[in-house]
Amino acid sequence: MLILPAIDLINGNCVRLKEGAESTRKIYSDQPHIVAKQWQDDGARMIHVVNLDGAFGRAGQNVRVIEKILSSVSIPIELGGGIRTLDDAGNWLSLGVARVIFGTVAVTQPQIVADAIQKYGSEQVVVGIDARRDKVAIEGWEKQTGEDVLLPEK
């Protein structure tokens, strides 16, 4: 089993939100690269980073912060949050992110995920699903879909 420590980012800070509500933000650090280095020093083999600004529609936020995280550690970084196009995925992968996580578009435009897998390979493309009360949530938890989080048994 691979357990991944997570770093959630808003405005360059490591934060935690309750059920994705931005108004519940609690800041834990203003130096995410140091937090990432500490996770690596503690034995993490990969770090899960979420650009919450991207998830909330502010995709350009945190680019420099994520670049600093990438340059501060030697372990792979997977990144999610606001990755909604093939170009978004390619841009992050070209910066050195090991794999990108599609969330919202996996529900709203699954062909983008299929295209990303075709172009970048299944090792670099991940689907992440957020859920509230057994239903899929999208756009940084801001919208609830009617889709069940679990597929029905066959």
Protein backbone atom coordinates (compact mmCIF):
# COMPACT_ATOMS: atom_id res chain seq x y z
CA MET A 1 0.00 0.00 0.00
CA LEU A 2 1.21 3.47 -0.86
CA ILE A 3 0.07 6.19 1.53
CA LEU A 4 0.47 9.70 0.17
CA PRO A 5 0.77 12.75 2.39
CA ALA A 6 -1.24 15.67 1.02
CA ILE A 7 -0.54 19.36 0.64
CA ASP A 8 -3.59 21.49 -0.21
CA LEU A 9 -2.78 24.98 -1.49
CA ILE A 10 -4.67 28.27 -1.40
CA ASN A 11 -2.85 31.55 -2.06
CA GLY A 12 0.51 29.83 -1.60
CA ASN A 13 -0.37 28.45 1.82
CA CYS A 14 -0.81 24.88 3.05
CA VAL A 15 -4.43 24.68 4.16
CA ARG A 16 -7.16 22.29 5.19
CA LEU A 17 -10.82 22.79 4.31
CA LYS A 18 -13.87 21.14 5.81
CA GLU A 19 -15.82 19.35 3.06
CA GLY A 20 -14.21 21.59 0.47
CA ALA A 21 -15.73 24.84 1.78
CA GLU A 22 -13.23 27.62 1.10
CA SER A 23 -14.66 29.65 3.99
CA THR A 24 -13.47 26.96 6.44
CA ARG A 25 -9.83 27.40 5.44
CA LYS A 26 -7.28 26.79 8.17
CA ILE A 27 -3.68 27.72 7.30
CA TYR A 28 -0.98 25.34 8.48
CA SER A 29 2.08 26.79 6.77
CA ASP A 30 3.08 29.57 4.42
CA GLN A 31 6.04 27.53 3.15
CA PRO A 32 4.69 24.48 1.26
CA HIS A 33 8.13 23.58 -0.11
CA ILE A 34 9.42 23.11 3.43
CA VAL A 35 6.39 20.98 4.30
CA ALA A 36 7.03 18.86 1.19
CA LYS A 37 10.69 18.44 2.14
CA GLN A 38 9.66 17.37 5.64
CA TRP A 39 7.27 14.75 4.20
CA GLN A 40 10.13 13.46 2.05
CA ASP A 41 12.52 13.40 5.02
CA ASP A 42 9.88 11.47 6.98
CA GLY A 43 9.89 8.74 4.33
CA ALA A 44 7.14 9.69 1.88
CA ARG A 45 7.62 8.09 -1.53
CA MET A 46 5.27 10.52 -3.31
CA ILE A 47 3.32 13.65 -2.33
CA HIS A 48 -0.25 14.50 -3.30
CA VAL A 49 -0.64 18.24 -3.98
CA VAL A 50 -3.97 19.93 -4.62
CA ASN A 51 -4.11 23.40 -6.13
CA LEU A 52 -7.39 24.39 -4.49
CA ASP A 53 -7.22 27.78 -6.17
CA GLY A 54 -7.32 25.87 -9.46
CA ALA A 55 -10.25 23.80 -8.29
CA PHE A 56 -12.11 27.03 -7.50
CA GLY A 57 -11.43 28.42 -10.98
CA ARG A 58 -8.21 30.31 -10.29
CA ALA A 59 -5.99 27.98 -12.30
CA GLY A 60 -3.01 30.35 -12.56
CA GLN A 61 -2.56 30.52 -8.81
CA ASN A 62 0.27 28.64 -7.14
CA VAL A 63 2.37 27.90 -10.23
CA ARG A 64 5.51 29.35 -8.63
CA VAL A 65 4.73 27.62 -5.32
CA ILE A 66 4.35 24.26 -7.06
CA GLU A 67 7.58 24.84 -9.00
CA LYS A 68 9.32 25.50 -5.67
CA ILE A 69 7.89 22.28 -4.21
CA LEU A 70 9.12 20.35 -7.27
CA SER A 71 12.62 21.79 -6.91
CA SER A 72 12.73 21.12 -3.15
CA VAL A 73 12.13 17.37 -3.26
CA SER A 74 13.41 14.41 -5.25
CA ILE A 75 10.29 12.27 -4.87
CA PRO A 76 7.39 12.36 -7.35
CA ILE A 77 4.58 14.88 -6.98
CA GLU A 78 1.04 14.20 -8.17
CA LEU A 79 -1.08 17.28 -8.72
CA GLY A 80 -4.79 17.93 -8.89
CA GLY A 81 -7.03 20.96 -8.76
CA GLY A 82 -8.25 22.83 -11.79
CA ILE A 83 -6.71 20.52 -14.37
CA ARG A 84 -9.49 20.59 -16.92
CA THR A 85 -7.85 20.42 -20.36
CA LEU A 86 -5.25 18.38 -22.18
CA ASP A 87 -3.08 21.51 -22.30
CA ASP A 88 -3.40 21.96 -18.51
CA ALA A 89 -2.17 18.41 -18.03
CA GLY A 90 0.70 18.86 -20.47
CA ASN A 91 1.80 22.12 -18.87
CA TRP A 92 2.00 20.58 -15.41
CA LEU A 93 3.72 17.44 -16.66
CA SER A 94 6.29 19.55 -18.53
CA LEU A 95 7.08 21.40 -15.27
CA GLY A 96 7.99 18.08 -13.66
CA VAL A 97 4.79 16.89 -12.01
CA ALA A 98 4.87 13.06 -12.12
CA ARG A 99 1.14 12.65 -12.63
CA VAL A 100 -1.91 14.84 -12.97
CA ILE A 101 -5.29 14.27 -11.38
CA PHE A 102 -8.49 14.99 -13.27
CA GLY A 103 -11.60 15.48 -11.13
CA THR A 104 -14.37 17.65 -12.54
CA VAL A 105 -13.68 16.80 -16.19
CA ALA A 106 -13.73 13.09 -15.43
CA VAL A 107 -17.44 13.65 -14.77
CA THR A 108 -18.28 16.46 -17.20
CA GLN A 109 -15.97 15.64 -20.13
CA PRO A 110 -14.55 12.12 -19.74
CA GLN A 111 -13.13 12.19 -23.27
CA ILE A 112 -10.47 14.64 -22.04
CA VAL A 113 -9.28 12.01 -19.56
CA ALA A 114 -9.25 9.36 -22.29
CA ASP A 115 -7.27 11.71 -24.56
CA ALA A 116 -4.80 12.46 -21.75
CA ILE A 117 -4.22 8.77 -21.12
CA GLN A 118 -3.70 8.24 -24.85
CA LYS A 119 -1.22 11.13 -25.04
CA TYR A 120 0.64 10.84 -21.71
CA GLY A 121 0.05 7.25 -20.58
CA SER A 122 -1.90 5.73 -17.73
CA GLU A 123 0.96 6.18 -15.28
CA GLN A 124 0.76 9.97 -15.56
CA VAL A 125 -3.02 10.41 -15.49
CA VAL A 126 -5.22 9.82 -12.44
CA VAL A 127 -8.91 10.38 -11.78
CA GLY A 128 -9.91 11.73 -8.38
CA ILE A 129 -13.52 11.75 -7.25
CA ASP A 130 -14.78 13.90 -4.38
CA ALA A 131 -18.02 12.84 -2.72
CA ARG A 132 -20.55 14.17 -0.30
CA ARG A 133 -23.40 12.01 0.99
CA ASP A 134 -22.55 9.27 -1.55
CA LYS A 135 -22.86 11.65 -4.53
CA VAL A 136 -20.03 12.96 -6.70
CA ALA A 137 -19.06 16.59 -6.05
CA ILE A 138 -17.26 18.70 -8.66
CA GLU A 139 -15.60 22.11 -9.08
CA GLY A 140 -13.80 22.03 -5.75
CA TRP A 141 -16.82 20.51 -3.97
CA GLU A 142 -18.90 23.54 -4.92
CA LYS A 143 -21.39 21.60 -7.07
CA GLN A 144 -23.13 18.39 -6.15
CA THR A 145 -24.01 16.02 -8.99
CA GLY A 146 -26.67 13.36 -8.91
CA GLU A 147 -24.08 10.71 -9.76
CA ASP A 148 -23.52 7.95 -7.22
CA VAL A 149 -19.92 7.79 -6.06
CA LEU A 150 -19.92 3.99 -6.27
CA LEU A 151 -20.84 2.09 -9.37
CA PRO A 152 -23.78 -0.30 -8.91
CA GLU A 153 -22.87 -3.94 -8.44
CA LYS A 154 -23.38 -6.17 -11.44
